[in-house]
Amino acid sequence: MYHTSIPEKITMCENRGVEVRLIVEMDDPSLVSFVTRFNATATRVGKLPFKGRMVVEKGKQTILSDALPDQSNSPSHFSLVTNSYKIVCNIFTLCSLIWKNSKNLDTIDVKNYTGKKR
């Protein structure tokens, strides 16, 4: 995500008073320092339902995209953007459940982190 405009977008949102919650799936504890550089309002580590990205603005809109293709996968890439109230609310509920079942990044013991639920 460092090679995208995502870090700047996070800063822009927070400058407007928007709370930005970032959930990442991480197996390598050495990546904690990279994740903290996004400076999101709150960051958690948890199991994600797929390797793509989800962005949800509560009650407004959502953006879903698949994982970026690599050399071994199909070169196709998709994104879905919608302001459908029902879809946005369902994705927001999904993200809220993932958030609830994830761990705060600042509470992770980096030396003993395995990336798996205990």
PDB file of N, CA and C in Angstrom:
ATOM      1  N   MET A   1       0.813  -1.205   0.000  1.00  0.00           N
ATOM      2  CA  MET A   1       0.000   0.000   0.000  1.00  0.00           C
ATOM      3  C   MET A   1       0.850   1.260   0.000  1.00  0.00           C
ATOM      4  N   TYR A   2       2.156   1.119   0.270  1.00  0.00           N
ATOM      5  CA  TYR A   2       3.016   2.302   0.274  1.00  0.00           C
ATOM      6  C   TYR A   2       3.208   2.878  -1.121  1.00  0.00           C
ATOM      7  N   HIS A   3       2.991   2.044  -2.136  1.00  0.00           N
ATOM      8  CA  HIS A   3       3.190   2.498  -3.506  1.00  0.00           C
ATOM      9  C   HIS A   3       1.890   3.020  -4.110  1.00  0.00           C
ATOM     10  N   THR A   4       0.936   3.337  -3.264  1.00  0.00           N
ATOM     11  CA  THR A   4      -0.345   3.902  -3.694  1.00  0.00           C
ATOM     12  C   THR A   4      -0.538   5.227  -2.972  1.00  0.00           C
ATOM     13  N   SER A   5      -1.677   5.835  -3.199  1.00  0.00           N
ATOM     14  CA  SER A   5      -1.981   7.097  -2.513  1.00  0.00           C
ATOM     15  C   SER A   5      -2.714   6.865  -1.188  1.00  0.00           C
ATOM     16  N   ILE A   6      -2.794   5.623  -0.739  1.00  0.00           N
ATOM     17  CA  ILE A   6      -3.538   5.303   0.486  1.00  0.00           C
ATOM     18  C   ILE A   6      -3.000   6.052   1.711  1.00  0.00           C
ATOM     19  N   PRO A   7      -1.686   6.102   1.959  1.00  0.00           N
ATOM     20  CA  PRO A   7      -1.222   6.864   3.141  1.00  0.00           C
ATOM     21  C   PRO A   7      -1.653   8.330   3.107  1.00  0.00           C
ATOM     22  N   GLU A   8      -1.585   8.944   1.933  1.00  0.00           N
ATOM     23  CA  GLU A   8      -2.006  10.348   1.815  1.00  0.00           C
ATOM     24  C   GLU A   8      -3.507  10.499   2.024  1.00  0.00           C
ATOM     25  N   LYS A   9      -4.278   9.541   1.519  1.00  0.00           N
ATOM     26  CA  LYS A   9      -5.742   9.583   1.688  1.00  0.00           C
ATOM     27  C   LYS A   9      -6.117   9.443   3.160  1.00  0.00           C
ATOM     28  N   ILE A  10      -5.400   8.602   3.900  1.00  0.00           N
ATOM     29  CA  ILE A  10      -5.653   8.459   5.334  1.00  0.00           C
ATOM     30  C   ILE A  10      -5.422   9.794   6.034  1.00  0.00           C
ATOM     31  N   THR A  11      -4.317  10.427   5.720  1.00  0.00           N
ATOM     32  CA  THR A  11      -4.006  11.733   6.318  1.00  0.00           C
ATOM     33  C   THR A  11      -5.063  12.770   5.959  1.00  0.00           C
ATOM     34  N   MET A  12      -5.490  12.801   4.698  1.00  0.00           N
ATOM     35  CA  MET A  12      -6.513  13.756   4.265  1.00  0.00           C
ATOM     36  C   MET A  12      -7.825  13.546   5.031  1.00  0.00           C
ATOM     37  N   CYS A  13      -8.228  12.297   5.188  1.00  0.00           N
ATOM     38  CA  CYS A  13      -9.469  11.995   5.918  1.00  0.00           C
ATOM     39  C   CYS A  13      -9.365  12.434   7.370  1.00  0.00           C
ATOM     40  N   GLU A  14      -8.259  12.111   8.008  1.00  0.00           N
ATOM     41  CA  GLU A  14      -8.090  12.477   9.413  1.00  0.00           C
ATOM     42  C   GLU A  14      -8.030  13.995   9.592  1.00  0.00           C
ATOM     43  N   ASN A  15      -7.450  14.705   8.623  1.00  0.00           N
ATOM     44  CA  ASN A  15      -7.418  16.165   8.696  1.00  0.00           C
ATOM     45  C   ASN A  15      -8.823  16.768   8.614  1.00  0.00           C
ATOM     46  N   ARG A  16      -9.754  16.028   8.022  1.00  0.00           N
ATOM     47  CA  ARG A  16     -11.154  16.467   7.953  1.00  0.00           C
ATOM     48  C   ARG A  16     -11.960  15.985   9.160  1.00  0.00           C
ATOM     49  N   GLY A  17     -11.302  15.321  10.115  1.00  0.00           N
ATOM     50  CA  GLY A  17     -11.977  14.853  11.315  1.00  0.00           C
ATOM     51  C   GLY A  17     -12.593  13.470  11.198  1.00  0.00           C
ATOM     52  N   VAL A  18     -12.242  12.735  10.146  1.00  0.00           N
ATOM     53  CA  VAL A  18     -12.781  11.393   9.929  1.00  0.00           C
ATOM     54  C   VAL A  18     -11.930  10.374  10.674  1.00  0.00           C
ATOM     55  N   GLU A  19     -12.580   9.444  11.354  1.00  0.00           N
ATOM     56  CA  GLU A  19     -11.864   8.353  12.011  1.00  0.00           C
ATOM     57  C   GLU A  19     -11.553   7.285  10.973  1.00  0.00           C
ATOM     58  N   VAL A  20     -10.283   6.918  10.842  1.00  0.00           N
ATOM     59  CA  VAL A  20      -9.856   5.903   9.880  1.00  0.00           C
ATOM     60  C   VAL A  20      -9.417   4.674  10.662  1.00  0.00           C
ATOM     61  N   ARG A  21     -10.117   3.571  10.421  1.00  0.00           N
ATOM     62  CA  ARG A  21      -9.773   2.293  11.051  1.00  0.00           C
ATOM     63  C   ARG A  21      -9.130   1.402  10.001  1.00  0.00           C
ATOM     64  N   LEU A  22      -7.974   0.875  10.319  1.00  0.00           N
ATOM     65  CA  LEU A  22      -7.226   0.029   9.402  1.00  0.00           C
ATOM     66  C   LEU A  22      -7.091  -1.352  10.022  1.00  0.00           C
ATOM     67  N   ILE A  23      -7.518  -2.367   9.279  1.00  0.00           N
ATOM     68  CA  ILE A  23      -7.360  -3.748   9.727  1.00  0.00           C
ATOM     69  C   ILE A  23      -6.431  -4.431   8.739  1.00  0.00           C
ATOM     70  N   VAL A  24      -5.396  -5.066   9.240  1.00  0.00           N
ATOM     71  CA  VAL A  24      -4.446  -5.777   8.390  1.00  0.00           C
ATOM     72  C   VAL A  24      -4.326  -7.218   8.857  1.00  0.00           C
ATOM     73  N   GLU A  25      -4.013  -8.082   7.928  1.00  0.00           N
ATOM     74  CA  GLU A  25      -3.683  -9.465   8.256  1.00  0.00           C
ATOM     75  C   GLU A  25      -2.171  -9.563   8.123  1.00  0.00           C
ATOM     76  N   MET A  26      -1.527 -10.091   9.145  1.00  0.00           N
ATOM     77  CA  MET A  26      -0.067 -10.046   9.168  1.00  0.00           C
ATOM     78  C   MET A  26       0.479 -11.328   9.788  1.00  0.00           C
ATOM     79  N   ASP A  27       1.394 -11.977   9.079  1.00  0.00           N
ATOM     80  CA  ASP A  27       2.046 -13.175   9.605  1.00  0.00           C
ATOM     81  C   ASP A  27       3.450 -12.891  10.114  1.00  0.00           C
ATOM     82  N   ASP A  28       4.029 -11.803   9.647  1.00  0.00           N
ATOM     83  CA  ASP A  28       5.413 -11.478   9.989  1.00  0.00           C
ATOM     84  C   ASP A  28       5.444 -10.320  10.985  1.00  0.00           C
ATOM     85  N   PRO A  29       5.864 -10.558  12.219  1.00  0.00           N
ATOM     86  CA  PRO A  29       5.858  -9.507  13.235  1.00  0.00           C
ATOM     87  C   PRO A  29       6.771  -8.333  12.913  1.00  0.00           C
ATOM     88  N   SER A  30       7.732  -8.528  12.033  1.00  0.00           N
ATOM     89  CA  SER A  30       8.613  -7.419  11.687  1.00  0.00           C
ATOM     90  C   SER A  30       7.881  -6.351  10.868  1.00  0.00           C
ATOM     91  N   LEU A  31       6.682  -6.661  10.408  1.00  0.00           N
ATOM     92  CA  LEU A  31       5.904  -5.697   9.615  1.00  0.00           C
ATOM     93  C   LEU A  31       5.146  -4.682  10.466  1.00  0.00           C
ATOM     94  N   VAL A  32       5.134  -4.857  11.782  1.00  0.00           N
ATOM     95  CA  VAL A  32       4.422  -3.941  12.665  1.00  0.00           C
ATOM     96  C   VAL A  32       4.885  -2.505  12.448  1.00  0.00           C
ATOM     97  N   SER A  33       6.179  -2.306  12.314  1.00  0.00           N
ATOM     98  CA  SER A  33       6.690  -0.943  12.134  1.00  0.00           C
ATOM     99  C   SER A  33       6.205  -0.329  10.823  1.00  0.00           C
ATOM    100  N   PHE A  34       6.015  -1.151   9.785  1.00  0.00           N
ATOM    101  CA  PHE A  34       5.510  -0.634   8.514  1.00  0.00           C
ATOM    102  C   PHE A  34       4.037  -0.251   8.630  1.00  0.00           C
ATOM    103  N   VAL A  35       3.271  -1.067   9.334  1.00  0.00           N
ATOM    104  CA  VAL A  35       1.838  -0.813   9.488  1.00  0.00           C
ATOM    105  C   VAL A  35       1.591   0.467  10.284  1.00  0.00           C
ATOM    106  N   THR A  36       2.405   0.719  11.296  1.00  0.00           N
ATOM    107  CA  THR A  36       2.208   1.924  12.112  1.00  0.00           C
ATOM    108  C   THR A  36       2.480   3.196  11.328  1.00  0.00           C
ATOM    109  N   ARG A  37       3.249   3.105  10.254  1.00  0.00           N
ATOM    110  CA  ARG A  37       3.556   4.291   9.445  1.00  0.00           C
ATOM    111  C   ARG A  37       2.347   4.843   8.695  1.00  0.00           C
ATOM    112  N   PHE A  38       1.269   4.071   8.604  1.00  0.00           N
ATOM    113  CA  PHE A  38       0.068   4.578   7.942  1.00  0.00           C
ATOM    114  C   PHE A  38      -0.623   5.644   8.788  1.00  0.00           C
ATOM    115  N   ASN A  39      -0.318   5.655  10.083  1.00  0.00           N
ATOM    116  CA  ASN A  39      -0.880   6.642  11.008  1.00  0.00           C
ATOM    117  C   ASN A  39      -2.396   6.700  10.969  1.00  0.00           C
ATOM    118  N   ALA A  40      -3.031   5.544  10.848  1.00  0.00           N
ATOM    119  CA  ALA A  40      -4.487   5.489  10.911  1.00  0.00           C
ATOM    120  C   ALA A  40      -4.926   5.810  12.337  1.00  0.00           C
ATOM    121  N   THR A  41      -6.154   6.282  12.490  1.00  0.00           N
ATOM    122  CA  THR A  41      -6.681   6.611  13.811  1.00  0.00           C
ATOM    123  C   THR A  41      -6.558   5.409  14.742  1.00  0.00           C
ATOM    124  N   ALA A  42      -6.909   4.240  14.224  1.00  0.00           N
ATOM    125  CA  ALA A  42      -6.795   2.996  14.989  1.00  0.00           C
ATOM    126  C   ALA A  42      -6.410   1.890  14.024  1.00  0.00           C
ATOM    127  N   THR A  43      -5.540   0.998  14.474  1.00  0.00           N
ATOM    128  CA  THR A  43      -5.083  -0.108  13.632  1.00  0.00           C
ATOM    129  C   THR A  43      -5.198  -1.402  14.424  1.00  0.00           C
ATOM    130  N   ARG A  44      -5.709  -2.424  13.752  1.00  0.00           N
ATOM    131  CA  ARG A  44      -5.826  -3.740  14.365  1.00  0.00           C
ATOM    132  C   ARG A  44      -5.321  -4.802  13.409  1.00  0.00           C
ATOM    133  N   VAL A  45      -5.002  -5.958  13.984  1.00  0.00           N
ATOM    134  CA  VAL A  45      -4.563  -7.111  13.214  1.00  0.00           C
ATOM    135  C   VAL A  45      -5.600  -8.196  13.373  1.00  0.00           C
ATOM    136  N   GLY A  46      -6.056  -8.743  12.263  1.00  0.00           N
ATOM    137  CA  GLY A  46      -7.064  -9.788  12.328  1.00  0.00           C
ATOM    138  C   GLY A  46      -7.103 -10.603  11.055  1.00  0.00           C
ATOM    139  N   LYS A  47      -7.932 -11.621  11.060  1.00  0.00           N
ATOM    140  CA  LYS A  47      -8.120 -12.480   9.896  1.00  0.00           C
ATOM    141  C   LYS A  47      -9.082 -11.794   8.947  1.00  0.00           C
ATOM    142  N   LEU A  48      -8.662 -11.618   7.713  1.00  0.00           N
ATOM    143  CA  LEU A  48      -9.489 -10.961   6.708  1.00  0.00           C
ATOM    144  C   LEU A  48     -10.131 -11.998   5.792  1.00  0.00           C
ATOM    145  N   PRO A  49     -11.348 -11.721   5.292  1.00  0.00           N
ATOM    146  CA  PRO A  49     -12.070 -12.713   4.500  1.00  0.00           C
ATOM    147  C   PRO A  49     -11.502 -12.936   3.102  1.00  0.00           C
ATOM    148  N   PHE A  50     -10.729 -11.988   2.592  1.00  0.00           N
ATOM    149  CA  PHE A  50     -10.095 -12.160   1.299  1.00  0.00           C
ATOM    150  C   PHE A  50      -8.888 -11.233   1.214  1.00  0.00           C
ATOM    151  N   LYS A  51      -8.091 -11.384   0.180  1.00  0.00           N
ATOM    152  CA  LYS A  51      -6.829 -10.654   0.067  1.00  0.00           C
ATOM    153  C   LYS A  51      -6.972  -9.280  -0.591  1.00  0.00           C
ATOM    154  N   GLY A  52      -8.164  -8.893  -0.940  1.00  0.00           N
ATOM    155  CA  GLY A  52      -8.385  -7.589  -1.554  1.00  0.00           C
ATOM    156  C   GLY A  52      -8.495  -6.496  -0.507  1.00  0.00           C
ATOM    157  N   ARG A  53      -9.059  -5.375  -0.929  1.00  0.00           N
ATOM    158  CA  ARG A  53      -9.224  -4.236  -0.032  1.00  0.00           C
ATOM    159  C   ARG A  53     -10.704  -3.887   0.071  1.00  0.00           C
ATOM    160  N   MET A  54     -11.088  -3.426   1.258  1.00  0.00           N
ATOM    161  CA  MET A  54     -12.444  -2.936   1.485  1.00  0.00           C
ATOM    162  C   MET A  54     -12.336  -1.565   2.123  1.00  0.00           C
ATOM    163  N   VAL A  55     -13.058  -0.616   1.576  1.00  0.00           N
ATOM    164  CA  VAL A  55     -13.142   0.716   2.155  1.00  0.00           C
ATOM    165  C   VAL A  55     -14.626   0.996   2.324  1.00  0.00           C
ATOM    166  N   VAL A  56     -15.026   1.383   3.529  1.00  0.00           N
ATOM    167  CA  VAL A  56     -16.440   1.647   3.786  1.00  0.00           C
ATOM    168  C   VAL A  56     -16.586   2.989   4.475  1.00  0.00           C
ATOM    169  N   GLU A  57     -17.445   3.813   3.935  1.00  0.00           N
ATOM    170  CA  GLU A  57     -17.839   5.052   4.583  1.00  0.00           C
ATOM    171  C   GLU A  57     -19.246   4.800   5.113  1.00  0.00           C
ATOM    172  N   LYS A  58     -19.383   4.728   6.423  1.00  0.00           N
ATOM    173  CA  LYS A  58     -20.622   4.317   7.070  1.00  0.00           C
ATOM    174  C   LYS A  58     -21.833   5.041   6.483  1.00  0.00           C
ATOM    175  N   GLY A  59     -22.776   4.242   5.969  1.00  0.00           N
ATOM    176  CA  GLY A  59     -24.026   4.768   5.432  1.00  0.00           C
ATOM    177  C   GLY A  59     -23.904   5.506   4.115  1.00  0.00           C
ATOM    178  N   LYS A  60     -22.702   5.572   3.534  1.00  0.00           N
ATOM    179  CA  LYS A  60     -22.497   6.378   2.325  1.00  0.00           C
ATOM    180  C   LYS A  60     -22.097   5.552   1.109  1.00  0.00           C
ATOM    181  N   GLN A  61     -20.904   4.941   1.156  1.00  0.00           N
ATOM    182  CA  GLN A  61     -20.410   4.214   0.000  1.00  0.00           C
ATOM    183  C   GLN A  61     -19.377   3.180   0.423  1.00  0.00           C
ATOM    184  N   THR A  62     -19.109   2.250  -0.496  1.00  0.00           N
ATOM    185  CA  THR A  62     -18.079   1.240  -0.260  1.00  0.00           C
ATOM    186  C   THR A  62     -17.306   1.003  -1.546  1.00  0.00           C
ATOM    187  N   ILE A  63     -16.055   0.643  -1.374  1.00  0.00           N
ATOM    188  CA  ILE A  63     -15.194   0.277  -2.492  1.00  0.00           C
ATOM    189  C   ILE A  63     -14.581  -1.071  -2.141  1.00  0.00           C
ATOM    190  N   LEU A  64     -14.734  -2.036  -3.039  1.00  0.00           N
ATOM    191  CA  LEU A  64     -14.158  -3.360  -2.857  1.00  0.00           C
ATOM    192  C   LEU A  64     -13.257  -3.640  -4.042  1.00  0.00           C
ATOM    193  N   SER A  65     -12.105  -4.233  -3.792  1.00  0.00           N
ATOM    194  CA  SER A  65     -11.237  -4.638  -4.901  1.00  0.00           C
ATOM    195  C   SER A  65     -10.579  -5.955  -4.552  1.00  0.00           C
ATOM    196  N   ASP A  66     -10.227  -6.685  -5.599  1.00  0.00           N
ATOM    197  CA  ASP A  66      -9.550  -7.956  -5.366  1.00  0.00           C
ATOM    198  C   ASP A  66      -8.073  -7.704  -5.098  1.00  0.00           C
ATOM    199  N   ALA A  67      -7.361  -8.766  -4.797  1.00  0.00           N
ATOM    200  CA  ALA A  67      -5.921  -8.648  -4.573  1.00  0.00           C
ATOM    201  C   ALA A  67      -5.260  -8.273  -5.886  1.00  0.00           C
ATOM    202  N   LEU A  68      -4.180  -7.529  -5.788  1.00  0.00           N
ATOM    203  CA  LEU A  68      -3.457  -7.167  -6.999  1.00  0.00           C
ATOM    204  C   LEU A  68      -2.893  -8.425  -7.641  1.00  0.00           C
ATOM    205  N   PRO A  69      -3.051  -8.565  -8.938  1.00  0.00           N
ATOM    206  CA  PRO A  69      -2.554  -9.777  -9.599  1.00  0.00           C
ATOM    207  C   PRO A  69      -1.032  -9.846  -9.580  1.00  0.00           C
ATOM    208  N   ASP A  70      -0.535 -11.062  -9.496  1.00  0.00           N
ATOM    209  CA  ASP A  70       0.918 -11.254  -9.596  1.00  0.00           C
ATOM    210  C   ASP A  70       1.199 -12.117 -10.827  1.00  0.00           C
ATOM    211  N   GLN A  71       2.397 -12.531 -10.977  1.00  0.00           N
ATOM    212  CA  GLN A  71       2.788 -13.263 -12.185  1.00  0.00           C
ATOM    213  C   GLN A  71       2.090 -14.617 -12.297  1.00  0.00           C
ATOM    214  N   SER A  72       1.742 -15.251 -11.170  1.00  0.00           N
ATOM    215  CA  SER A  72       1.179 -16.596 -11.213  1.00  0.00           C
ATOM    216  C   SER A  72      -0.337 -16.611 -11.368  1.00  0.00           C
ATOM    217  N   ASN A  73      -0.989 -15.492 -11.167  1.00  0.00           N
ATOM    218  CA  ASN A  73      -2.443 -15.429 -11.247  1.00  0.00           C
ATOM    219  C   ASN A  73      -2.894 -14.789 -12.548  1.00  0.00           C
ATOM    220  N   SER A  74      -4.191 -14.779 -12.721  1.00  0.00           N
ATOM    221  CA  SER A  74      -4.792 -14.122 -13.878  1.00  0.00           C
ATOM    222  C   SER A  74      -4.469 -12.629 -13.842  1.00  0.00           C
ATOM    223  N   PRO A  75      -4.250 -12.013 -14.986  1.00  0.00           N
ATOM    224  CA  PRO A  75      -3.918 -10.584 -15.000  1.00  0.00           C
ATOM    225  C   PRO A  75      -5.122  -9.671 -14.772  1.00  0.00           C
ATOM    226  N   SER A  76      -6.300 -10.248 -14.569  1.00  0.00           N
ATOM    227  CA  SER A  76      -7.492  -9.411 -14.386  1.00  0.00           C
ATOM    228  C   SER A  76      -7.519  -8.785 -12.991  1.00  0.00           C
ATOM    229  N   HIS A  77      -8.223  -7.675 -12.895  1.00  0.00           N
ATOM    230  CA  HIS A  77      -8.356  -6.948 -11.642  1.00  0.00           C
ATOM    231  C   HIS A  77      -9.746  -6.332 -11.641  1.00  0.00           C
ATOM    232  N   PHE A  78     -10.438  -6.385 -10.493  1.00  0.00           N
ATOM    233  CA  PHE A  78     -11.762  -5.796 -10.465  1.00  0.00           C
ATOM    234  C   PHE A  78     -11.924  -4.884  -9.266  1.00  0.00           C
ATOM    235  N   SER A  79     -12.846  -3.982  -9.387  1.00  0.00           N
ATOM    236  CA  SER A  79     -13.241  -3.112  -8.283  1.00  0.00           C
ATOM    237  C   SER A  79     -14.741  -2.931  -8.351  1.00  0.00           C
ATOM    238  N   LEU A  80     -15.344  -2.745  -7.195  1.00  0.00           N
ATOM    239  CA  LEU A  80     -16.764  -2.464  -7.104  1.00  0.00           C
ATOM    240  C   LEU A  80     -16.929  -1.222  -6.250  1.00  0.00           C
ATOM    241  N   VAL A  81     -17.604  -0.242  -6.771  1.00  0.00           N
ATOM    242  CA  VAL A  81     -17.914   0.977  -6.032  1.00  0.00           C
ATOM    243  C   VAL A  81     -19.421   1.120  -6.044  1.00  0.00           C
ATOM    244  N   THR A  82     -20.006   1.300  -4.863  1.00  0.00           N
ATOM    245  CA  THR A  82     -21.456   1.463  -4.810  1.00  0.00           C
ATOM    246  C   THR A  82     -21.858   2.374  -3.661  1.00  0.00           C
ATOM    247  N   ASN A  83     -22.986   3.023  -3.849  1.00  0.00           N
ATOM    248  CA  ASN A  83     -23.591   3.798  -2.771  1.00  0.00           C
ATOM    249  C   ASN A  83     -24.933   3.183  -2.371  1.00  0.00           C
ATOM    250  N   SER A  84     -25.148   1.926  -2.773  1.00  0.00           N
ATOM    251  CA  SER A  84     -26.355   1.203  -2.391  1.00  0.00           C
ATOM    252  C   SER A  84     -26.390   1.072  -0.862  1.00  0.00           C
ATOM    253  N   TYR A  85     -27.413   1.659  -0.250  1.00  0.00           N
ATOM    254  CA  TYR A  85     -27.487   1.699   1.204  1.00  0.00           C
ATOM    255  C   TYR A  85     -27.404   0.305   1.820  1.00  0.00           C
ATOM    256  N   LYS A  86     -28.113  -0.665   1.246  1.00  0.00           N
ATOM    257  CA  LYS A  86     -28.109  -2.018   1.810  1.00  0.00           C
ATOM    258  C   LYS A  86     -26.741  -2.676   1.695  1.00  0.00           C
ATOM    259  N   ILE A  87     -26.102  -2.531   0.558  1.00  0.00           N
ATOM    260  CA  ILE A  87     -24.771  -3.131   0.397  1.00  0.00           C
ATOM    261  C   ILE A  87     -23.776  -2.462   1.334  1.00  0.00           C
ATOM    262  N   VAL A  88     -23.817  -1.131   1.408  1.00  0.00           N
ATOM    263  CA  VAL A  88     -22.900  -0.400   2.289  1.00  0.00           C
ATOM    264  C   VAL A  88     -23.102  -0.839   3.737  1.00  0.00           C
ATOM    265  N   CYS A  89     -24.337  -0.944   4.173  1.00  0.00           N
ATOM    266  CA  CYS A  89     -24.610  -1.360   5.560  1.00  0.00           C
ATOM    267  C   CYS A  89     -24.138  -2.790   5.815  1.00  0.00           C
ATOM    268  N   ASN A  90     -24.321  -3.686   4.850  1.00  0.00           N
ATOM    269  CA  ASN A  90     -23.868  -5.069   5.025  1.00  0.00           C
ATOM    270  C   ASN A  90     -22.345  -5.147   5.096  1.00  0.00           C
ATOM    271  N   ILE A  91     -21.653  -4.423   4.239  1.00  0.00           N
ATOM    272  CA  ILE A  91     -20.189  -4.426   4.271  1.00  0.00           C
ATOM    273  C   ILE A  91     -19.688  -3.773   5.563  1.00  0.00           C
ATOM    274  N   PHE A  92     -20.374  -2.708   6.008  1.00  0.00           N
ATOM    275  CA  PHE A  92     -19.992  -2.063   7.263  1.00  0.00           C
ATOM    276  C   PHE A  92     -20.161  -3.027   8.431  1.00  0.00           C
ATOM    277  N   THR A  93     -21.236  -3.806   8.436  1.00  0.00           N
ATOM    278  CA  THR A  93     -21.460  -4.805   9.487  1.00  0.00           C
ATOM    279  C   THR A  93     -20.355  -5.860   9.457  1.00  0.00           C
ATOM    280  N   LEU A  94     -19.996  -6.315   8.266  1.00  0.00           N
ATOM    281  CA  LEU A  94     -18.905  -7.279   8.132  1.00  0.00           C
ATOM    282  C   LEU A  94     -17.611  -6.706   8.694  1.00  0.00           C
ATOM    283  N   CYS A  95     -17.290  -5.482   8.315  1.00  0.00           N
ATOM    284  CA  CYS A  95     -16.057  -4.848   8.801  1.00  0.00           C
ATOM    285  C   CYS A  95     -16.101  -4.647  10.314  1.00  0.00           C
ATOM    286  N   SER A  96     -17.272  -4.324  10.859  1.00  0.00           N
ATOM    287  CA  SER A  96     -17.408  -4.160  12.308  1.00  0.00           C
ATOM    288  C   SER A  96     -17.141  -5.471  13.038  1.00  0.00           C
ATOM    289  N   LEU A  97     -17.624  -6.581  12.478  1.00  0.00           N
ATOM    290  CA  LEU A  97     -17.370  -7.894  13.084  1.00  0.00           C
ATOM    291  C   LEU A  97     -15.885  -8.260  13.009  1.00  0.00           C
ATOM    292  N   ILE A  98     -15.275  -7.978  11.876  1.00  0.00           N
ATOM    293  CA  ILE A  98     -13.837  -8.242  11.747  1.00  0.00           C
ATOM    294  C   ILE A  98     -13.071  -7.395  12.756  1.00  0.00           C
ATOM    295  N   TRP A  99     -13.467  -6.130  12.897  1.00  0.00           N
ATOM    296  CA  TRP A  99     -12.825  -5.212  13.851  1.00  0.00           C
ATOM    297  C   TRP A  99     -12.949  -5.753  15.277  1.00  0.00           C
ATOM    298  N   LYS A 100     -14.155  -6.186  15.627  1.00  0.00           N
ATOM    299  CA  LYS A 100     -14.417  -6.692  16.977  1.00  0.00           C
ATOM    300  C   LYS A 100     -13.574  -7.930  17.289  1.00  0.00           C
ATOM    301  N   ASN A 101     -13.317  -8.753  16.278  1.00  0.00           N
ATOM    302  CA  ASN A 101     -12.579  -9.999  16.481  1.00  0.00           C
ATOM    303  C   ASN A 101     -11.085  -9.875  16.206  1.00  0.00           C
ATOM    304  N   SER A 102     -10.610  -8.667  16.038  1.00  0.00           N
ATOM    305  CA  SER A 102      -9.188  -8.456  15.792  1.00  0.00           C
ATOM    306  C   SER A 102      -8.512  -7.918  17.048  1.00  0.00           C
ATOM    307  N   LYS A 103      -7.179  -7.833  16.978  1.00  0.00           N
ATOM    308  CA  LYS A 103      -6.398  -7.378  18.131  1.00  0.00           C
ATOM    309  C   LYS A 103      -5.828  -5.993  17.853  1.00  0.00           C
ATOM    310  N   ASN A 104      -5.739  -5.172  18.900  1.00  0.00           N
ATOM    311  CA  ASN A 104      -5.101  -3.868  18.758  1.00  0.00           C
ATOM    312  C   ASN A 104      -3.633  -4.064  18.403  1.00  0.00           C
ATOM    313  N   LEU A 105      -3.175  -3.294  17.450  1.00  0.00           N
ATOM    314  CA  LEU A 105      -1.789  -3.410  17.014  1.00  0.00           C
ATOM    315  C   LEU A 105      -0.819  -3.110  18.148  1.00  0.00           C
ATOM    316  N   ASP A 106      -1.156  -2.127  18.987  1.00  0.00           N
ATOM    317  CA  ASP A 106      -0.228  -1.736  20.064  1.00  0.00           C
ATOM    318  C   ASP A 106      -0.188  -2.724  21.217  1.00  0.00           C
ATOM    319  N   THR A 107      -1.062  -3.734  21.225  1.00  0.00           N
ATOM    320  CA  THR A 107      -1.036  -4.741  22.289  1.00  0.00           C
ATOM    321  C   THR A 107      -0.335  -6.029  21.853  1.00  0.00           C
ATOM    322  N   ILE A 108       0.149  -6.062  20.626  1.00  0.00           N
ATOM    323  CA  ILE A 108       0.783  -7.275  20.118  1.00  0.00           C
ATOM    324  C   ILE A 108       2.214  -7.374  20.640  1.00  0.00           C
ATOM    325  N   ASP A 109       2.527  -8.524  21.183  1.00  0.00           N
ATOM    326  CA  ASP A 109       3.886  -8.822  21.628  1.00  0.00           C
ATOM    327  C   ASP A 109       4.670  -9.264  20.391  1.00  0.00           C
ATOM    328  N   VAL A 110       5.436  -8.353  19.827  1.00  0.00           N
ATOM    329  CA  VAL A 110       6.128  -8.602  18.566  1.00  0.00           C
ATOM    330  C   VAL A 110       7.048  -9.810  18.651  1.00  0.00           C
ATOM    331  N   LYS A 111       7.720 -10.007  19.768  1.00  0.00           N
ATOM    332  CA  LYS A 111       8.660 -11.121  19.894  1.00  0.00           C
ATOM    333  C   LYS A 111       7.958 -12.477  19.864  1.00  0.00           C
ATOM    334  N   ASN A 112       6.701 -12.533  20.359  1.00  0.00           N
ATOM    335  CA  ASN A 112       5.982 -13.811  20.433  1.00  0.00           C
ATOM    336  C   ASN A 112       4.807 -13.879  19.475  1.00  0.00           C
ATOM    337  N   TYR A 113       4.708 -12.967  18.534  1.00  0.00           N
ATOM    338  CA  TYR A 113       3.566 -12.919  17.623  1.00  0.00           C
ATOM    339  C   TYR A 113       3.647 -14.022  16.601  1.00  0.00           C
ATOM    340  N   THR A 114       2.549 -14.757  16.445  1.00  0.00           N
ATOM    341  CA  THR A 114       2.501 -15.833  15.451  1.00  0.00           C
ATOM    342  C   THR A 114       1.534 -15.521  14.326  1.00  0.00           C
ATOM    343  N   GLY A 115       0.657 -14.524  14.514  1.00  0.00           N
ATOM    344  CA  GLY A 115      -0.320 -14.203  13.486  1.00  0.00           C
ATOM    345  C   GLY A 115      -1.538 -15.078  13.536  1.00  0.00           C
ATOM    346  N   LYS A 116      -1.592 -16.005  14.488  1.00  0.00           N
ATOM    347  CA  LYS A 116      -2.714 -16.928  14.584  1.00  0.00           C
ATOM    348  C   LYS A 116      -3.448 -16.691  15.897  1.00  0.00           C
ATOM    349  N   LYS A 117      -4.771 -16.942  15.859  1.00  0.00           N
ATOM    350  CA  LYS A 117      -5.560 -16.829  17.086  1.00  0.00           C
ATOM    351  C   LYS A 117      -5.154 -17.916  18.042  1.00  0.00           C
ATOM    352  N   ARG A 118      -5.133 -17.553  19.317  1.00  0.00           N
ATOM    353  CA  ARG A 118      -4.773 -18.557  20.337  1.00  0.00           C
ATOM    354  C   ARG A 118      -6.019 -19.116  20.958  1.00  0.00           C
TER     355      ARG A 118
END
